[in-house]
Amino acid sequence: MAKPSSRAPGDPAAGAAGAGVPAAPLAQGSAPESFELALGELEKIVQRMEGGALSLEQSLADYRRGAALIAWCRKSLSEVQQQVRILEADLLRPFEPDEAEEPR
């Protein structure tokens, strides 16, 4: 019986190796409304898991939800980065004040 509990810390590591391919991205809960809410939920998951009072099943469920939230956050950040690249291409140029616009 000691063997499963000694393997529990290794289970997340085994899951991390395949974390790039989540089976059902947010199967245990709905998609977060915002990036900030996703981070808040991740912080709560970490606190619960660090508390050590969760059963193995609860820990695994929280781990899966956390992995799905991380994937969602990464996708959101990637989309925003792409939008910024598009904006920078056309809008961001070195500032050079026009002398005609200076107050007289």
PDB file of N, CA and C in Angstrom:
ATOM      1  N   MET A   1       0.803  -1.204   0.000  1.00  0.00           N
ATOM      2  CA  MET A   1       0.000   0.000   0.000  1.00  0.00           C
ATOM      3  C   MET A   1       0.842   1.262   0.000  1.00  0.00           C
ATOM      4  N   ALA A   2       2.051   1.171   0.503  1.00  0.00           N
ATOM      5  CA  ALA A   2       2.924   2.343   0.513  1.00  0.00           C
ATOM      6  C   ALA A   2       3.363   2.708  -0.896  1.00  0.00           C
ATOM      7  N   LYS A   3       3.339   1.732  -1.789  1.00  0.00           N
ATOM      8  CA  LYS A   3       3.804   1.980  -3.153  1.00  0.00           C
ATOM      9  C   LYS A   3       2.958   3.020  -3.879  1.00  0.00           C
ATOM     10  N   PRO A   4       1.593   2.955  -3.882  1.00  0.00           N
ATOM     11  CA  PRO A   4       0.821   3.989  -4.567  1.00  0.00           C
ATOM     12  C   PRO A   4       1.056   5.380  -4.006  1.00  0.00           C
ATOM     13  N   SER A   5       1.163   5.521  -2.673  1.00  0.00           N
ATOM     14  CA  SER A   5       1.375   6.857  -2.119  1.00  0.00           C
ATOM     15  C   SER A   5       2.769   7.374  -2.462  1.00  0.00           C
ATOM     16  N   SER A   6       3.751   6.460  -2.576  1.00  0.00           N
ATOM     17  CA  SER A   6       5.078   6.918  -2.957  1.00  0.00           C
ATOM     18  C   SER A   6       5.123   7.278  -4.436  1.00  0.00           C
ATOM     19  N   ARG A   7       4.194   6.748  -5.222  1.00  0.00           N
ATOM     20  CA  ARG A   7       4.121   7.066  -6.645  1.00  0.00           C
ATOM     21  C   ARG A   7       3.333   8.337  -6.909  1.00  0.00           C
ATOM     22  N   ALA A   8       2.528   8.767  -5.983  1.00  0.00           N
ATOM     23  CA  ALA A   8       1.675   9.946  -6.196  1.00  0.00           C
ATOM     24  C   ALA A   8       2.474  11.168  -6.618  1.00  0.00           C
ATOM     25  N   PRO A   9       3.618  11.490  -5.973  1.00  0.00           N
ATOM     26  CA  PRO A   9       4.375  12.639  -6.446  1.00  0.00           C
ATOM     27  C   PRO A   9       4.902  12.461  -7.863  1.00  0.00           C
ATOM     28  N   GLY A  10       5.131  11.232  -8.287  1.00  0.00           N
ATOM     29  CA  GLY A  10       5.621  10.984  -9.632  1.00  0.00           C
ATOM     30  C   GLY A  10       4.530  11.082 -10.690  1.00  0.00           C
ATOM     31  N   ASP A  11       3.282  10.899 -10.286  1.00  0.00           N
ATOM     32  CA  ASP A  11       2.186  10.956 -11.245  1.00  0.00           C
ATOM     33  C   ASP A  11       2.112  12.287 -11.977  1.00  0.00           C
ATOM     34  N   PRO A  12       2.191  13.431 -11.283  1.00  0.00           N
ATOM     35  CA  PRO A  12       2.181  14.690 -12.021  1.00  0.00           C
ATOM     36  C   PRO A  12       3.360  14.815 -12.974  1.00  0.00           C
ATOM     37  N   ALA A  13       4.499  14.280 -12.597  1.00  0.00           N
ATOM     38  CA  ALA A  13       5.648  14.354 -13.500  1.00  0.00           C
ATOM     39  C   ALA A  13       5.372  13.540 -14.755  1.00  0.00           C
ATOM     40  N   ALA A  14       4.730  12.384 -14.577  1.00  0.00           N
ATOM     41  CA  ALA A  14       4.386  11.574 -15.738  1.00  0.00           C
ATOM     42  C   ALA A  14       3.373  12.310 -16.593  1.00  0.00           C
ATOM     43  N   GLY A  15       2.434  12.990 -15.961  1.00  0.00           N
ATOM     44  CA  GLY A  15       1.444  13.756 -16.702  1.00  0.00           C
ATOM     45  C   GLY A  15       2.063  14.958 -17.376  1.00  0.00           C
ATOM     46  N   ALA A  16       3.085  15.531 -16.779  1.00  0.00           N
ATOM     47  CA  ALA A  16       3.723  16.708 -17.361  1.00  0.00           C
ATOM     48  C   ALA A  16       4.402  16.356 -18.672  1.00  0.00           C
ATOM     49  N   ALA A  17       4.870  15.126 -18.792  1.00  0.00           N
ATOM     50  CA  ALA A  17       5.511  14.736 -20.036  1.00  0.00           C
ATOM     51  C   ALA A  17       4.514  14.768 -21.185  1.00  0.00           C
ATOM     52  N   GLY A  18       3.241  14.466 -20.900  1.00  0.00           N
ATOM     53  CA  GLY A  18       2.221  14.496 -21.928  1.00  0.00           C
ATOM     54  C   GLY A  18       1.327  15.707 -21.814  1.00  0.00           C
ATOM     55  N   ALA A  19       1.732  16.712 -21.060  1.00  0.00           N
ATOM     56  CA  ALA A  19       0.888  17.882 -20.826  1.00  0.00           C
ATOM     57  C   ALA A  19       0.645  18.689 -22.087  1.00  0.00           C
ATOM     58  N   GLY A  20       1.454  18.513 -23.109  1.00  0.00           N
ATOM     59  CA  GLY A  20       1.263  19.256 -24.337  1.00  0.00           C
ATOM     60  C   GLY A  20       0.051  18.794 -25.128  1.00  0.00           C
ATOM     61  N   VAL A  21      -0.529  17.648 -24.758  1.00  0.00           N
ATOM     62  CA  VAL A  21      -1.663  17.109 -25.488  1.00  0.00           C
ATOM     63  C   VAL A  21      -2.794  16.778 -24.523  1.00  0.00           C
ATOM     64  N   PRO A  22      -3.509  17.798 -24.029  1.00  0.00           N
ATOM     65  CA  PRO A  22      -4.621  17.507 -23.126  1.00  0.00           C
ATOM     66  C   PRO A  22      -5.769  16.865 -23.892  1.00  0.00           C
ATOM     67  N   ALA A  23      -6.368  15.802 -23.333  1.00  0.00           N
ATOM     68  CA  ALA A  23      -7.439  15.085 -24.014  1.00  0.00           C
ATOM     69  C   ALA A  23      -8.694  15.959 -24.130  1.00  0.00           C
ATOM     70  N   ALA A  24      -9.133  16.520 -23.027  1.00  0.00           N
ATOM     71  CA  ALA A  24     -10.291  17.400 -23.032  1.00  0.00           C
ATOM     72  C   ALA A  24      -9.872  18.678 -22.316  1.00  0.00           C
ATOM     73  N   PRO A  25      -9.537  19.740 -23.038  1.00  0.00           N
ATOM     74  CA  PRO A  25      -8.911  20.911 -22.454  1.00  0.00           C
ATOM     75  C   PRO A  25      -9.564  21.447 -21.175  1.00  0.00           C
ATOM     76  N   LEU A  26     -10.845  21.636 -21.153  1.00  0.00           N
ATOM     77  CA  LEU A  26     -11.473  22.158 -19.948  1.00  0.00           C
ATOM     78  C   LEU A  26     -12.696  21.318 -19.589  1.00  0.00           C
ATOM     79  N   ALA A  27     -12.512  19.991 -19.588  1.00  0.00           N
ATOM     80  CA  ALA A  27     -13.633  19.078 -19.360  1.00  0.00           C
ATOM     81  C   ALA A  27     -14.218  19.214 -17.959  1.00  0.00           C
ATOM     82  N   GLN A  28     -13.392  19.537 -16.961  1.00  0.00           N
ATOM     83  CA  GLN A  28     -13.884  19.592 -15.591  1.00  0.00           C
ATOM     84  C   GLN A  28     -14.533  20.920 -15.250  1.00  0.00           C
ATOM     85  N   GLY A  29     -14.456  21.880 -16.079  1.00  0.00           N
ATOM     86  CA  GLY A  29     -15.055  23.171 -15.799  1.00  0.00           C
ATOM     87  C   GLY A  29     -15.158  23.961 -17.072  1.00  0.00           C
ATOM     88  N   SER A  30     -15.859  25.032 -16.990  1.00  0.00           N
ATOM     89  CA  SER A  30     -16.013  25.859 -18.179  1.00  0.00           C
ATOM     90  C   SER A  30     -14.748  26.674 -18.429  1.00  0.00           C
ATOM     91  N   ALA A  31     -14.666  27.194 -19.624  1.00  0.00           N
ATOM     92  CA  ALA A  31     -13.533  28.052 -19.961  1.00  0.00           C
ATOM     93  C   ALA A  31     -13.601  29.307 -19.094  1.00  0.00           C
ATOM     94  N   PRO A  32     -12.457  29.787 -18.638  1.00  0.00           N
ATOM     95  CA  PRO A  32     -12.450  30.995 -17.810  1.00  0.00           C
ATOM     96  C   PRO A  32     -12.954  32.204 -18.602  1.00  0.00           C
ATOM     97  N   GLU A  33     -13.534  33.144 -17.897  1.00  0.00           N
ATOM     98  CA  GLU A  33     -14.030  34.358 -18.542  1.00  0.00           C
ATOM     99  C   GLU A  33     -12.896  35.298 -18.923  1.00  0.00           C
ATOM    100  N   SER A  34     -11.785  35.212 -18.209  1.00  0.00           N
ATOM    101  CA  SER A  34     -10.661  36.095 -18.494  1.00  0.00           C
ATOM    102  C   SER A  34      -9.361  35.427 -18.054  1.00  0.00           C
ATOM    103  N   PHE A  35      -8.269  35.989 -18.547  1.00  0.00           N
ATOM    104  CA  PHE A  35      -6.937  35.512 -18.181  1.00  0.00           C
ATOM    105  C   PHE A  35      -6.725  35.640 -16.672  1.00  0.00           C
ATOM    106  N   GLU A  36      -7.170  36.758 -16.115  1.00  0.00           N
ATOM    107  CA  GLU A  36      -6.985  37.008 -14.685  1.00  0.00           C
ATOM    108  C   GLU A  36      -7.747  35.998 -13.834  1.00  0.00           C
ATOM    109  N   LEU A  37      -8.964  35.641 -14.255  1.00  0.00           N
ATOM    110  CA  LEU A  37      -9.734  34.637 -13.512  1.00  0.00           C
ATOM    111  C   LEU A  37      -9.074  33.268 -13.606  1.00  0.00           C
ATOM    112  N   ALA A  38      -8.502  32.952 -14.756  1.00  0.00           N
ATOM    113  CA  ALA A  38      -7.791  31.683 -14.915  1.00  0.00           C
ATOM    114  C   ALA A  38      -6.599  31.625 -13.973  1.00  0.00           C
ATOM    115  N   LEU A  39      -5.844  32.719 -13.891  1.00  0.00           N
ATOM    116  CA  LEU A  39      -4.696  32.741 -12.971  1.00  0.00           C
ATOM    117  C   LEU A  39      -5.144  32.599 -11.524  1.00  0.00           C
ATOM    118  N   GLY A  40      -6.250  33.247 -11.179  1.00  0.00           N
ATOM    119  CA  GLY A  40      -6.782  33.136  -9.819  1.00  0.00           C
ATOM    120  C   GLY A  40      -7.169  31.703  -9.490  1.00  0.00           C
ATOM    121  N   GLU A  41      -7.814  31.026 -10.438  1.00  0.00           N
ATOM    122  CA  GLU A  41      -8.182  29.626 -10.215  1.00  0.00           C
ATOM    123  C   GLU A  41      -6.943  28.751 -10.089  1.00  0.00           C
ATOM    124  N   LEU A  42      -5.920  29.020 -10.902  1.00  0.00           N
ATOM    125  CA  LEU A  42      -4.665  28.267 -10.800  1.00  0.00           C
ATOM    126  C   LEU A  42      -4.025  28.449  -9.426  1.00  0.00           C
ATOM    127  N   GLU A  43      -4.056  29.672  -8.908  1.00  0.00           N
ATOM    128  CA  GLU A  43      -3.480  29.920  -7.576  1.00  0.00           C
ATOM    129  C   GLU A  43      -4.222  29.125  -6.506  1.00  0.00           C
ATOM    130  N   LYS A  44      -5.543  29.049  -6.615  1.00  0.00           N
ATOM    131  CA  LYS A  44      -6.330  28.275  -5.647  1.00  0.00           C
ATOM    132  C   LYS A  44      -6.006  26.791  -5.744  1.00  0.00           C
ATOM    133  N   ILE A  45      -5.841  26.304  -6.958  1.00  0.00           N
ATOM    134  CA  ILE A  45      -5.489  24.895  -7.155  1.00  0.00           C
ATOM    135  C   ILE A  45      -4.144  24.596  -6.503  1.00  0.00           C
ATOM    136  N   VAL A  46      -3.171  25.469  -6.719  1.00  0.00           N
ATOM    137  CA  VAL A  46      -1.838  25.269  -6.128  1.00  0.00           C
ATOM    138  C   VAL A  46      -1.936  25.261  -4.610  1.00  0.00           C
ATOM    139  N   GLN A  47      -2.700  26.175  -4.033  1.00  0.00           N
ATOM    140  CA  GLN A  47      -2.846  26.222  -2.575  1.00  0.00           C
ATOM    141  C   GLN A  47      -3.466  24.936  -2.040  1.00  0.00           C
ATOM    142  N   ARG A  48      -4.509  24.435  -2.716  1.00  0.00           N
ATOM    143  CA  ARG A  48      -5.148  23.186  -2.269  1.00  0.00           C
ATOM    144  C   ARG A  48      -4.165  22.025  -2.347  1.00  0.00           C
ATOM    145  N   MET A  49      -3.425  21.969  -3.446  1.00  0.00           N
ATOM    146  CA  MET A  49      -2.504  20.853  -3.616  1.00  0.00           C
ATOM    147  C   MET A  49      -1.338  20.931  -2.631  1.00  0.00           C
ATOM    148  N   GLU A  50      -0.852  22.140  -2.371  1.00  0.00           N
ATOM    149  CA  GLU A  50       0.245  22.294  -1.409  1.00  0.00           C
ATOM    150  C   GLU A  50      -0.215  22.015   0.012  1.00  0.00           C
ATOM    151  N   GLY A  51      -1.509  22.168   0.275  1.00  0.00           N
ATOM    152  CA  GLY A  51      -2.047  21.909   1.608  1.00  0.00           C
ATOM    153  C   GLY A  51      -1.920  20.449   2.008  1.00  0.00           C
ATOM    154  N   GLY A  52      -1.890  19.565   1.028  1.00  0.00           N
ATOM    155  CA  GLY A  52      -1.669  18.153   1.311  1.00  0.00           C
ATOM    156  C   GLY A  52      -2.873  17.413   1.855  1.00  0.00           C
ATOM    157  N   ALA A  53      -4.043  18.035   1.908  1.00  0.00           N
ATOM    158  CA  ALA A  53      -5.219  17.384   2.479  1.00  0.00           C
ATOM    159  C   ALA A  53      -6.105  16.726   1.418  1.00  0.00           C
ATOM    160  N   LEU A  54      -5.737  16.829   0.155  1.00  0.00           N
ATOM    161  CA  LEU A  54      -6.548  16.259  -0.917  1.00  0.00           C
ATOM    162  C   LEU A  54      -6.303  14.763  -1.055  1.00  0.00           C
ATOM    163  N   SER A  55      -7.354  14.059  -1.458  1.00  0.00           N
ATOM    164  CA  SER A  55      -7.177  12.647  -1.779  1.00  0.00           C
ATOM    165  C   SER A  55      -6.425  12.542  -3.100  1.00  0.00           C
ATOM    166  N   LEU A  56      -6.001  11.352  -3.425  1.00  0.00           N
ATOM    167  CA  LEU A  56      -5.283  11.137  -4.682  1.00  0.00           C
ATOM    168  C   LEU A  56      -6.179  11.521  -5.861  1.00  0.00           C
ATOM    169  N   GLU A  57      -7.450  11.147  -5.800  1.00  0.00           N
ATOM    170  CA  GLU A  57      -8.382  11.459  -6.880  1.00  0.00           C
ATOM    171  C   GLU A  57      -8.591  12.964  -7.018  1.00  0.00           C
ATOM    172  N   GLN A  58      -8.719  13.653  -5.894  1.00  0.00           N
ATOM    173  CA  GLN A  58      -8.890  15.111  -5.925  1.00  0.00           C
ATOM    174  C   GLN A  58      -7.639  15.792  -6.466  1.00  0.00           C
ATOM    175  N   SER A  59      -6.487  15.290  -6.060  1.00  0.00           N
ATOM    176  CA  SER A  59      -5.225  15.846  -6.557  1.00  0.00           C
ATOM    177  C   SER A  59      -5.118  15.677  -8.066  1.00  0.00           C
ATOM    178  N   LEU A  60      -5.481  14.507  -8.552  1.00  0.00           N
ATOM    179  CA  LEU A  60      -5.421  14.249  -9.989  1.00  0.00           C
ATOM    180  C   LEU A  60      -6.410  15.143 -10.737  1.00  0.00           C
ATOM    181  N   ALA A  61      -7.608  15.309 -10.197  1.00  0.00           N
ATOM    182  CA  ALA A  61      -8.601  16.181 -10.837  1.00  0.00           C
ATOM    183  C   ALA A  61      -8.113  17.622 -10.866  1.00  0.00           C
ATOM    184  N   ASP A  62      -7.540  18.094  -9.761  1.00  0.00           N
ATOM    185  CA  ASP A  62      -7.010  19.455  -9.725  1.00  0.00           C
ATOM    186  C   ASP A  62      -5.834  19.609 -10.686  1.00  0.00           C
ATOM    187  N   TYR A  63      -4.988  18.582 -10.759  1.00  0.00           N
ATOM    188  CA  TYR A  63      -3.849  18.631 -11.679  1.00  0.00           C
ATOM    189  C   TYR A  63      -4.339  18.760 -13.118  1.00  0.00           C
ATOM    190  N   ARG A  64      -5.327  17.960 -13.480  1.00  0.00           N
ATOM    191  CA  ARG A  64      -5.869  18.018 -14.841  1.00  0.00           C
ATOM    192  C   ARG A  64      -6.484  19.378 -15.139  1.00  0.00           C
ATOM    193  N   ARG A  65      -7.250  19.918 -14.187  1.00  0.00           N
ATOM    194  CA  ARG A  65      -7.861  21.233 -14.385  1.00  0.00           C
ATOM    195  C   ARG A  65      -6.760  22.289 -14.528  1.00  0.00           C
ATOM    196  N   GLY A  66      -5.742  22.204 -13.687  1.00  0.00           N
ATOM    197  CA  GLY A  66      -4.642  23.160 -13.767  1.00  0.00           C
ATOM    198  C   GLY A  66      -3.919  23.094 -15.100  1.00  0.00           C
ATOM    199  N   ALA A  67      -3.679  21.884 -15.594  1.00  0.00           N
ATOM    200  CA  ALA A  67      -3.012  21.728 -16.892  1.00  0.00           C
ATOM    201  C   ALA A  67      -3.869  22.322 -18.009  1.00  0.00           C
ATOM    202  N   ALA A  68      -5.186  22.125 -17.922  1.00  0.00           N
ATOM    203  CA  ALA A  68      -6.090  22.690 -18.930  1.00  0.00           C
ATOM    204  C   ALA A  68      -6.083  24.219 -18.856  1.00  0.00           C
ATOM    205  N   LEU A  69      -6.075  24.765 -17.647  1.00  0.00           N
ATOM    206  CA  LEU A  69      -6.041  26.224 -17.490  1.00  0.00           C
ATOM    207  C   LEU A  69      -4.734  26.802 -18.018  1.00  0.00           C
ATOM    208  N   ILE A  70      -3.635  26.122 -17.767  1.00  0.00           N
ATOM    209  CA  ILE A  70      -2.341  26.593 -18.281  1.00  0.00           C
ATOM    210  C   ILE A  70      -2.362  26.610 -19.804  1.00  0.00           C
ATOM    211  N   ALA A  71      -2.899  25.551 -20.411  1.00  0.00           N
ATOM    212  CA  ALA A  71      -2.981  25.510 -21.876  1.00  0.00           C
ATOM    213  C   ALA A  71      -3.852  26.655 -22.389  1.00  0.00           C
ATOM    214  N   TRP A  72      -4.964  26.933 -21.705  1.00  0.00           N
ATOM    215  CA  TRP A  72      -5.851  28.028 -22.102  1.00  0.00           C
ATOM    216  C   TRP A  72      -5.132  29.375 -21.990  1.00  0.00           C
ATOM    217  N   CYS A  73      -4.394  29.564 -20.897  1.00  0.00           N
ATOM    218  CA  CYS A  73      -3.654  30.818 -20.694  1.00  0.00           C
ATOM    219  C   CYS A  73      -2.570  30.990 -21.763  1.00  0.00           C
ATOM    220  N   ARG A  74      -1.851  29.929 -22.075  1.00  0.00           N
ATOM    221  CA  ARG A  74      -0.817  30.005 -23.110  1.00  0.00           C
ATOM    222  C   ARG A  74      -1.422  30.384 -24.450  1.00  0.00           C
ATOM    223  N   LYS A  75      -2.570  29.785 -24.777  1.00  0.00           N
ATOM    224  CA  LYS A  75      -3.233  30.097 -26.040  1.00  0.00           C
ATOM    225  C   LYS A  75      -3.671  31.558 -26.051  1.00  0.00           C
ATOM    226  N   SER A  76      -4.233  32.022 -24.937  1.00  0.00           N
ATOM    227  CA  SER A  76      -4.666  33.421 -24.844  1.00  0.00           C
ATOM    228  C   SER A  76      -3.495  34.375 -25.013  1.00  0.00           C
ATOM    229  N   LEU A  77      -2.380  34.086 -24.352  1.00  0.00           N
ATOM    230  CA  LEU A  77      -1.193  34.930 -24.479  1.00  0.00           C
ATOM    231  C   LEU A  77      -0.667  34.937 -25.907  1.00  0.00           C
ATOM    232  N   SER A  78      -0.673  33.789 -26.539  1.00  0.00           N
ATOM    233  CA  SER A  78      -0.212  33.693 -27.917  1.00  0.00           C
ATOM    234  C   SER A  78      -1.084  34.542 -28.845  1.00  0.00           C
ATOM    235  N   GLU A  79      -2.390  34.504 -28.643  1.00  0.00           N
ATOM    236  CA  GLU A  79      -3.300  35.304 -29.467  1.00  0.00           C
ATOM    237  C   GLU A  79      -3.067  36.797 -29.262  1.00  0.00           C
ATOM    238  N   VAL A  80      -2.857  37.194 -28.023  1.00  0.00           N
ATOM    239  CA  VAL A  80      -2.609  38.609 -27.739  1.00  0.00           C
ATOM    240  C   VAL A  80      -1.268  39.043 -28.324  1.00  0.00           C
ATOM    241  N   GLN A  81      -0.250  38.196 -28.211  1.00  0.00           N
ATOM    242  CA  GLN A  81       1.050  38.523 -28.795  1.00  0.00           C
ATOM    243  C   GLN A  81       0.939  38.719 -30.302  1.00  0.00           C
ATOM    244  N   GLN A  82       0.140  37.889 -30.963  1.00  0.00           N
ATOM    245  CA  GLN A  82      -0.048  38.027 -32.397  1.00  0.00           C
ATOM    246  C   GLN A  82      -0.731  39.353 -32.721  1.00  0.00           C
ATOM    247  N   GLN A  83      -1.725  39.732 -31.937  1.00  0.00           N
ATOM    248  CA  GLN A  83      -2.409  41.010 -32.148  1.00  0.00           C
ATOM    249  C   GLN A  83      -1.448  42.176 -31.969  1.00  0.00           C
ATOM    250  N   VAL A  84      -0.564  42.090 -30.975  1.00  0.00           N
ATOM    251  CA  VAL A  84       0.407  43.156 -30.736  1.00  0.00           C
ATOM    252  C   VAL A  84       1.383  43.242 -31.908  1.00  0.00           C
ATOM    253  N   ARG A  85       1.819  42.100 -32.426  1.00  0.00           N
ATOM    254  CA  ARG A  85       2.728  42.110 -33.585  1.00  0.00           C
ATOM    255  C   ARG A  85       2.077  42.808 -34.773  1.00  0.00           C
ATOM    256  N   ILE A  86       0.803  42.533 -34.991  1.00  0.00           N
ATOM    257  CA  ILE A  86       0.088  43.160 -36.105  1.00  0.00           C
ATOM    258  C   ILE A  86       0.010  44.668 -35.890  1.00  0.00           C
ATOM    259  N   LEU A  87      -0.314  45.078 -34.687  1.00  0.00           N
ATOM    260  CA  LEU A  87      -0.405  46.511 -34.390  1.00  0.00           C
ATOM    261  C   LEU A  87       0.950  47.194 -34.515  1.00  0.00           C
ATOM    262  N   GLU A  88       1.993  46.549 -34.030  1.00  0.00           N
ATOM    263  CA  GLU A  88       3.329  47.139 -34.093  1.00  0.00           C
ATOM    264  C   GLU A  88       3.789  47.332 -35.532  1.00  0.00           C
ATOM    265  N   ALA A  89       3.393  46.461 -36.412  1.00  0.00           N
ATOM    266  CA  ALA A  89       3.836  46.543 -37.798  1.00  0.00           C
ATOM    267  C   ALA A  89       3.376  47.833 -38.464  1.00  0.00           C
ATOM    268  N   ASP A  90       2.191  48.316 -38.118  1.00  0.00           N
ATOM    269  CA  ASP A  90       1.640  49.495 -38.772  1.00  0.00           C
ATOM    270  C   ASP A  90       1.669  50.762 -37.917  1.00  0.00           C
ATOM    271  N   LEU A  91       1.640  50.621 -36.610  1.00  0.00           N
ATOM    272  CA  LEU A  91       1.427  51.796 -35.771  1.00  0.00           C
ATOM    273  C   LEU A  91       2.644  52.292 -35.012  1.00  0.00           C
ATOM    274  N   LEU A  92       3.488  51.412 -34.587  1.00  0.00           N
ATOM    275  CA  LEU A  92       4.586  51.832 -33.727  1.00  0.00           C
ATOM    276  C   LEU A  92       5.811  52.212 -34.551  1.00  0.00           C
ATOM    277  N   ARG A  93       6.097  53.468 -34.506  1.00  0.00           N
ATOM    278  CA  ARG A  93       7.280  54.014 -35.191  1.00  0.00           C
ATOM    279  C   ARG A  93       7.968  54.964 -34.215  1.00  0.00           C
ATOM    280  N   PRO A  94       9.224  55.234 -34.429  1.00  0.00           N
ATOM    281  CA  PRO A  94       9.906  56.188 -33.541  1.00  0.00           C
ATOM    282  C   PRO A  94       9.175  57.532 -33.548  1.00  0.00           C
ATOM    283  N   PHE A  95       9.051  58.100 -32.362  1.00  0.00           N
ATOM    284  CA  PHE A  95       8.353  59.372 -32.227  1.00  0.00           C
ATOM    285  C   PHE A  95       9.252  60.507 -32.692  1.00  0.00           C
ATOM    286  N   GLU A  96       8.758  61.265 -33.643  1.00  0.00           N
ATOM    287  CA  GLU A  96       9.462  62.441 -34.136  1.00  0.00           C
ATOM    288  C   GLU A  96       8.444  63.579 -34.186  1.00  0.00           C
ATOM    289  N   PRO A  97       8.497  64.486 -33.236  1.00  0.00           N
ATOM    290  CA  PRO A  97       7.507  65.561 -33.204  1.00  0.00           C
ATOM    291  C   PRO A  97       7.583  66.439 -34.455  1.00  0.00           C
ATOM    292  N   ASP A  98       6.443  66.791 -34.941  1.00  0.00           N
ATOM    293  CA  ASP A  98       6.340  67.650 -36.119  1.00  0.00           C
ATOM    294  C   ASP A  98       6.422  69.096 -35.631  1.00  0.00           C
ATOM    295  N   GLU A  99       7.311  69.884 -36.199  1.00  0.00           N
ATOM    296  CA  GLU A  99       7.481  71.272 -35.746  1.00  0.00           C
ATOM    297  C   GLU A  99       6.230  72.086 -35.944  1.00  0.00           C
ATOM    298  N   ALA A 100       5.394  71.728 -36.913  1.00  0.00           N
ATOM    299  CA  ALA A 100       4.167  72.488 -37.156  1.00  0.00           C
ATOM    300  C   ALA A 100       3.167  72.286 -36.026  1.00  0.00           C
ATOM    301  N   GLU A 101       3.298  71.209 -35.260  1.00  0.00           N
ATOM    302  CA  GLU A 101       2.354  70.934 -34.169  1.00  0.00           C
ATOM    303  C   GLU A 101       2.789  71.576 -32.858  1.00  0.00           C
ATOM    304  N   GLU A 102       4.000  72.120 -32.776  1.00  0.00           N
ATOM    305  CA  GLU A 102       4.469  72.715 -31.537  1.00  0.00           C
ATOM    306  C   GLU A 102       3.721  74.004 -31.252  1.00  0.00           C
ATOM    307  N   PRO A 103       3.430  74.274 -29.962  1.00  0.00           N
ATOM    308  CA  PRO A 103       2.736  75.523 -29.611  1.00  0.00           C
ATOM    309  C   PRO A 103       3.620  76.728 -29.899  1.00  0.00           C
ATOM    310  N   ARG A 104       2.975  77.822 -30.273  1.00  0.00           N
ATOM    311  CA  ARG A 104       3.728  79.022 -30.622  1.00  0.00           C
ATOM    312  C   ARG A 104       3.815  79.965 -29.489  1.00  0.00           C
TER     313      ARG A 104
END
